[in-house]
């Protein structure tokens, strides 16, 4: 199973992978943990994601990848660290997994060309 396939499974059933119900923060933490494991295995899974997001969004940013995605999902929205309204949580989580899939698809395509 590829990383993209695994993350697609997580996207479809996020409650299976986190406790207390999926939130943007718990899902971002899950993905960050998955990335840390990939690094440990010698596979820098999300290396360059922050820069890729900044280029895609058209704005330079020094924010971590998950903060960039949250800002992209909710440019005028809730800035509280305590949590987001349910519809904002869903929007941010969906965008996160879509952007991760897009990033990994480009990375896989670049790898195959080499």
N, C-alpha and C. Protein backbone atom coordinates (compact mmCIF):
# COMPACT_ATOMS: atom_id res chain seq x y z
N UNK A 1 0.85 -1.17 0.00
CA UNK A 1 0.00 0.00 0.00
C UNK A 1 0.90 1.24 0.00
N UNK A 2 0.59 2.15 -0.88
CA UNK A 2 1.37 3.39 -0.95
C UNK A 2 0.93 4.34 0.16
N UNK A 3 1.74 5.36 0.38
CA UNK A 3 1.38 6.38 1.37
C UNK A 3 0.08 7.09 0.96
N UNK A 4 -0.08 7.35 -0.31
CA UNK A 4 -1.31 7.99 -0.80
C UNK A 4 -2.52 7.11 -0.51
N UNK A 5 -2.39 5.82 -0.75
CA UNK A 5 -3.51 4.91 -0.49
C UNK A 5 -3.83 4.87 1.00
N UNK A 6 -2.81 4.82 1.83
CA UNK A 6 -3.04 4.79 3.27
C UNK A 6 -3.73 6.07 3.74
N UNK A 7 -3.23 7.22 3.29
CA UNK A 7 -3.85 8.48 3.71
C UNK A 7 -5.27 8.61 3.18
N UNK A 8 -5.57 8.00 2.05
CA UNK A 8 -6.95 7.98 1.55
C UNK A 8 -7.85 7.18 2.48
N UNK A 9 -7.33 6.09 3.03
CA UNK A 9 -8.10 5.32 4.01
C UNK A 9 -8.36 6.15 5.27
N UNK A 10 -7.35 6.84 5.72
CA UNK A 10 -7.50 7.70 6.90
C UNK A 10 -8.53 8.78 6.62
N UNK A 11 -8.48 9.35 5.46
CA UNK A 11 -9.42 10.42 5.08
C UNK A 11 -10.86 9.92 5.12
N UNK A 12 -11.08 8.70 4.64
CA UNK A 12 -12.44 8.16 4.59
C UNK A 12 -13.00 7.82 5.97
N UNK A 13 -12.13 7.40 6.89
CA UNK A 13 -12.59 6.98 8.22
C UNK A 13 -11.65 7.51 9.31
N UNK A 14 -11.59 8.82 9.46
CA UNK A 14 -10.63 9.42 10.39
C UNK A 14 -10.84 9.01 11.85
N UNK A 15 -12.06 8.70 12.24
CA UNK A 15 -12.33 8.29 13.62
C UNK A 15 -11.65 7.00 14.01
N UNK A 16 -11.28 6.19 13.03
CA UNK A 16 -10.57 4.94 13.32
C UNK A 16 -9.12 5.19 13.74
N UNK A 17 -8.61 6.36 13.44
CA UNK A 17 -7.19 6.62 13.64
C UNK A 17 -6.90 7.63 14.75
N UNK A 18 -7.95 8.25 15.26
CA UNK A 18 -7.78 9.23 16.34
C UNK A 18 -8.85 8.98 17.40
N UNK A 19 -8.58 9.42 18.60
CA UNK A 19 -9.59 9.27 19.65
C UNK A 19 -10.28 10.60 19.89
N UNK A 20 -11.50 10.55 20.37
CA UNK A 20 -12.23 11.77 20.69
C UNK A 20 -12.84 12.46 19.49
N UNK A 21 -12.91 11.80 18.37
CA UNK A 21 -13.48 12.41 17.17
C UNK A 21 -12.43 13.20 16.41
N UNK A 22 -12.50 13.15 15.10
CA UNK A 22 -11.49 13.83 14.30
C UNK A 22 -11.66 15.35 14.33
N UNK A 23 -10.58 16.02 14.60
CA UNK A 23 -10.52 17.47 14.48
C UNK A 23 -9.36 17.78 13.54
N UNK A 24 -9.32 19.00 13.08
CA UNK A 24 -8.20 19.37 12.22
C UNK A 24 -6.87 19.14 12.93
N UNK A 25 -6.80 19.52 14.21
CA UNK A 25 -5.55 19.39 14.94
C UNK A 25 -5.16 17.93 15.18
N UNK A 26 -6.13 17.08 15.51
CA UNK A 26 -5.77 15.68 15.73
C UNK A 26 -5.36 15.01 14.43
N UNK A 27 -6.03 15.37 13.33
CA UNK A 27 -5.66 14.77 12.05
C UNK A 27 -4.29 15.28 11.58
N UNK A 28 -4.01 16.56 11.80
CA UNK A 28 -2.69 17.10 11.44
C UNK A 28 -1.62 16.43 12.29
N UNK A 29 -1.90 16.20 13.57
CA UNK A 29 -0.93 15.52 14.45
C UNK A 29 -0.72 14.08 13.99
N UNK A 30 -1.79 13.42 13.58
CA UNK A 30 -1.66 12.06 13.07
C UNK A 30 -0.76 12.03 11.84
N UNK A 31 -1.01 12.94 10.90
CA UNK A 31 -0.21 12.99 9.67
C UNK A 31 1.24 13.34 10.01
N UNK A 32 1.45 14.25 10.94
CA UNK A 32 2.83 14.60 11.35
C UNK A 32 3.53 13.39 11.96
N UNK A 33 2.81 12.60 12.75
CA UNK A 33 3.39 11.38 13.32
C UNK A 33 3.70 10.35 12.25
N UNK A 34 2.82 10.24 11.28
CA UNK A 34 3.05 9.33 10.15
C UNK A 34 4.30 9.77 9.38
N UNK A 35 4.43 11.07 9.17
CA UNK A 35 5.60 11.62 8.49
C UNK A 35 6.87 11.35 9.30
N UNK A 36 6.79 11.51 10.62
CA UNK A 36 7.97 11.25 11.47
C UNK A 36 8.41 9.79 11.35
N UNK A 37 7.45 8.90 11.29
CA UNK A 37 7.79 7.48 11.10
C UNK A 37 8.44 7.26 9.74
N UNK A 38 7.90 7.91 8.71
CA UNK A 38 8.49 7.77 7.38
C UNK A 38 9.94 8.27 7.38
N UNK A 39 10.19 9.38 8.06
CA UNK A 39 11.56 9.90 8.16
C UNK A 39 12.46 8.85 8.82
N UNK A 40 11.95 8.25 9.88
CA UNK A 40 12.74 7.25 10.60
C UNK A 40 13.08 6.06 9.71
N UNK A 41 12.19 5.75 8.78
CA UNK A 41 12.40 4.66 7.85
C UNK A 41 13.23 5.08 6.63
N UNK A 42 13.66 6.36 6.61
CA UNK A 42 14.47 6.84 5.49
C UNK A 42 13.66 7.33 4.31
N UNK A 43 12.37 7.61 4.53
CA UNK A 43 11.50 8.09 3.46
C UNK A 43 10.96 9.46 3.85
N UNK A 44 11.59 10.53 3.45
CA UNK A 44 11.11 11.87 3.82
C UNK A 44 9.80 12.20 3.11
N UNK A 45 8.70 11.72 3.66
CA UNK A 45 7.40 11.77 3.02
C UNK A 45 6.93 13.18 2.69
N UNK A 46 6.94 14.08 3.67
CA UNK A 46 6.40 15.43 3.47
C UNK A 46 7.49 16.48 3.37
N UNK A 47 8.69 16.06 3.04
CA UNK A 47 9.80 17.00 2.87
C UNK A 47 9.48 17.96 1.73
N UNK A 48 9.47 19.24 2.03
CA UNK A 48 9.19 20.25 1.01
C UNK A 48 7.73 20.65 0.93
N UNK A 49 6.86 20.06 1.75
CA UNK A 49 5.43 20.36 1.68
C UNK A 49 5.16 21.83 2.00
N UNK A 50 5.81 22.38 3.00
CA UNK A 50 5.58 23.79 3.35
C UNK A 50 5.89 24.72 2.20
N UNK A 51 7.00 24.49 1.53
CA UNK A 51 7.38 25.31 0.39
C UNK A 51 6.41 25.12 -0.77
N UNK A 52 6.01 23.86 -0.99
CA UNK A 52 5.06 23.55 -2.06
C UNK A 52 3.73 24.27 -1.82
N UNK A 53 3.25 24.25 -0.58
CA UNK A 53 2.01 24.94 -0.24
C UNK A 53 2.12 26.44 -0.46
N UNK A 54 3.25 27.02 -0.05
CA UNK A 54 3.44 28.46 -0.22
C UNK A 54 3.41 28.82 -1.71
N UNK A 55 4.06 28.02 -2.54
CA UNK A 55 4.06 28.28 -3.98
C UNK A 55 2.66 28.10 -4.56
N UNK A 56 1.98 27.09 -4.13
CA UNK A 56 0.63 26.82 -4.64
C UNK A 56 -0.36 27.92 -4.23
N UNK A 57 -0.19 28.41 -3.02
CA UNK A 57 -1.07 29.46 -2.52
C UNK A 57 -0.66 30.83 -3.05
N UNK A 58 0.55 30.92 -3.57
CA UNK A 58 1.03 32.17 -4.15
C UNK A 58 1.47 33.20 -3.13
N UNK A 59 1.74 32.73 -1.92
CA UNK A 59 2.19 33.64 -0.86
C UNK A 59 3.34 32.99 -0.10
N UNK A 60 4.45 33.72 0.05
CA UNK A 60 5.53 33.17 0.86
C UNK A 60 5.04 33.00 2.29
N UNK A 61 5.54 31.97 2.95
CA UNK A 61 5.08 31.72 4.31
C UNK A 61 6.17 31.03 5.11
N UNK A 62 6.25 31.40 6.38
CA UNK A 62 7.16 30.71 7.28
C UNK A 62 6.38 29.83 8.25
N UNK A 63 5.09 29.63 7.98
CA UNK A 63 4.26 28.78 8.82
C UNK A 63 4.51 27.31 8.52
N UNK A 64 4.29 26.45 9.51
CA UNK A 64 4.37 25.01 9.29
C UNK A 64 3.25 24.61 8.34
N UNK A 65 3.38 23.46 7.72
CA UNK A 65 2.44 23.03 6.68
C UNK A 65 1.00 23.02 7.17
N UNK A 66 0.75 22.51 8.36
CA UNK A 66 -0.64 22.42 8.82
C UNK A 66 -1.25 23.79 9.08
N UNK A 67 -0.45 24.76 9.53
CA UNK A 67 -0.95 26.11 9.74
C UNK A 67 -1.26 26.78 8.41
N UNK A 68 -0.46 26.51 7.40
CA UNK A 68 -0.73 27.05 6.06
C UNK A 68 -2.05 26.50 5.52
N UNK A 69 -2.28 25.20 5.72
CA UNK A 69 -3.51 24.59 5.22
C UNK A 69 -4.71 25.16 5.97
N UNK A 70 -4.58 25.32 7.26
CA UNK A 70 -5.69 25.88 8.05
C UNK A 70 -6.03 27.29 7.56
N UNK A 71 -5.01 28.07 7.29
CA UNK A 71 -5.22 29.43 6.79
C UNK A 71 -5.85 29.42 5.39
N UNK A 72 -5.44 28.47 4.56
CA UNK A 72 -6.02 28.35 3.23
C UNK A 72 -7.50 27.94 3.32
N UNK A 73 -7.81 27.05 4.25
CA UNK A 73 -9.18 26.57 4.39
C UNK A 73 -10.09 27.62 4.99
N UNK A 74 -9.54 28.42 5.90
CA UNK A 74 -10.35 29.38 6.65
C UNK A 74 -9.65 30.74 6.66
N UNK A 75 -9.54 31.39 5.51
CA UNK A 75 -8.78 32.65 5.44
C UNK A 75 -9.37 33.76 6.31
N UNK A 76 -10.66 33.76 6.53
CA UNK A 76 -11.29 34.77 7.37
C UNK A 76 -11.82 34.17 8.66
N UNK A 77 -11.54 32.91 8.86
CA UNK A 77 -12.25 32.17 9.90
C UNK A 77 -11.58 32.16 11.25
N UNK A 78 -12.12 31.30 12.04
CA UNK A 78 -11.78 31.10 13.44
C UNK A 78 -10.27 30.93 13.63
N UNK A 79 -9.69 31.77 14.44
CA UNK A 79 -8.26 31.68 14.71
C UNK A 79 -7.98 31.12 16.10
N UNK A 80 -9.00 30.62 16.77
CA UNK A 80 -8.86 30.07 18.12
C UNK A 80 -8.10 28.75 18.06
N UNK A 81 -7.20 28.55 18.99
CA UNK A 81 -6.49 27.28 19.09
C UNK A 81 -7.35 26.24 19.79
N UNK A 82 -8.47 26.66 20.38
CA UNK A 82 -9.33 25.75 21.13
C UNK A 82 -10.11 24.81 20.23
N UNK A 83 -10.29 25.14 19.00
CA UNK A 83 -11.04 24.29 18.09
C UNK A 83 -11.82 25.12 17.10
N UNK A 84 -12.45 24.43 16.19
CA UNK A 84 -13.19 25.08 15.12
C UNK A 84 -14.64 24.61 15.16
N UNK A 85 -15.56 25.40 14.62
CA UNK A 85 -16.93 24.90 14.44
C UNK A 85 -16.91 23.67 13.55
N UNK A 86 -17.89 22.78 13.71
CA UNK A 86 -17.91 21.51 12.97
C UNK A 86 -17.73 21.67 11.47
N UNK A 87 -18.44 22.61 10.85
CA UNK A 87 -18.32 22.75 9.39
C UNK A 87 -16.92 23.23 8.99
N UNK A 88 -16.30 24.05 9.84
CA UNK A 88 -14.93 24.51 9.56
C UNK A 88 -13.94 23.37 9.74
N UNK A 89 -14.17 22.53 10.76
CA UNK A 89 -13.31 21.35 10.96
C UNK A 89 -13.33 20.48 9.71
N UNK A 90 -14.52 20.17 9.23
CA UNK A 90 -14.66 19.32 8.05
C UNK A 90 -13.99 19.93 6.83
N UNK A 91 -14.20 21.23 6.63
CA UNK A 91 -13.60 21.92 5.47
C UNK A 91 -12.08 21.87 5.55
N UNK A 92 -11.52 22.14 6.72
CA UNK A 92 -10.06 22.14 6.89
C UNK A 92 -9.48 20.74 6.74
N UNK A 93 -10.16 19.74 7.29
CA UNK A 93 -9.67 18.35 7.18
C UNK A 93 -9.72 17.91 5.72
N UNK A 94 -10.82 18.18 5.03
CA UNK A 94 -10.93 17.80 3.62
C UNK A 94 -9.83 18.45 2.78
N UNK A 95 -9.62 19.74 3.00
CA UNK A 95 -8.58 20.44 2.24
C UNK A 95 -7.20 19.86 2.56
N UNK A 96 -6.94 19.55 3.83
CA UNK A 96 -5.65 18.98 4.21
C UNK A 96 -5.38 17.69 3.44
N UNK A 97 -6.36 16.77 3.44
CA UNK A 97 -6.14 15.50 2.75
C UNK A 97 -6.07 15.67 1.24
N UNK A 98 -6.81 16.61 0.68
CA UNK A 98 -6.72 16.86 -0.76
C UNK A 98 -5.34 17.39 -1.14
N UNK A 99 -4.84 18.34 -0.36
CA UNK A 99 -3.52 18.91 -0.64
C UNK A 99 -2.42 17.89 -0.41
N UNK A 100 -2.54 17.06 0.60
CA UNK A 100 -1.55 16.00 0.82
C UNK A 100 -1.53 15.05 -0.36
N UNK A 101 -2.71 14.69 -0.85
CA UNK A 101 -2.77 13.80 -2.00
C UNK A 101 -2.16 14.45 -3.24
N UNK A 102 -2.47 15.71 -3.47
CA UNK A 102 -1.90 16.42 -4.61
C UNK A 102 -0.38 16.47 -4.51
N UNK A 103 0.13 16.79 -3.33
CA UNK A 103 1.58 16.87 -3.11
C UNK A 103 2.23 15.52 -3.37
N UNK A 104 1.67 14.47 -2.76
CA UNK A 104 2.27 13.15 -2.92
C UNK A 104 2.17 12.66 -4.36
N UNK A 105 1.08 13.02 -5.05
CA UNK A 105 0.95 12.64 -6.47
C UNK A 105 2.05 13.29 -7.30
N UNK A 106 2.33 14.55 -7.05
CA UNK A 106 3.41 15.23 -7.78
C UNK A 106 4.76 14.61 -7.44
N UNK A 107 4.95 14.31 -6.17
CA UNK A 107 6.21 13.69 -5.72
C UNK A 107 6.41 12.33 -6.38
N UNK A 108 5.35 11.52 -6.40
CA UNK A 108 5.44 10.20 -7.04
C UNK A 108 5.72 10.34 -8.53
N UNK A 109 5.08 11.33 -9.18
CA UNK A 109 5.31 11.55 -10.59
C UNK A 109 6.74 11.96 -10.88
N UNK A 110 7.29 12.81 -10.03
CA UNK A 110 8.68 13.25 -10.19
C UNK A 110 9.64 12.10 -9.97
N UNK A 111 9.30 11.21 -9.03
CA UNK A 111 10.15 10.06 -8.74
C UNK A 111 10.18 9.10 -9.92
N UNK A 112 9.04 8.89 -10.58
CA UNK A 112 8.96 7.97 -11.69
C UNK A 112 9.72 8.47 -12.90
N UNK A 113 9.83 9.78 -13.08
CA UNK A 113 10.51 10.36 -14.22
C UNK A 113 12.02 10.13 -14.12
N UNK A 114 12.54 10.16 -12.92
CA UNK A 114 13.99 10.02 -12.71
C UNK A 114 14.47 8.71 -13.14
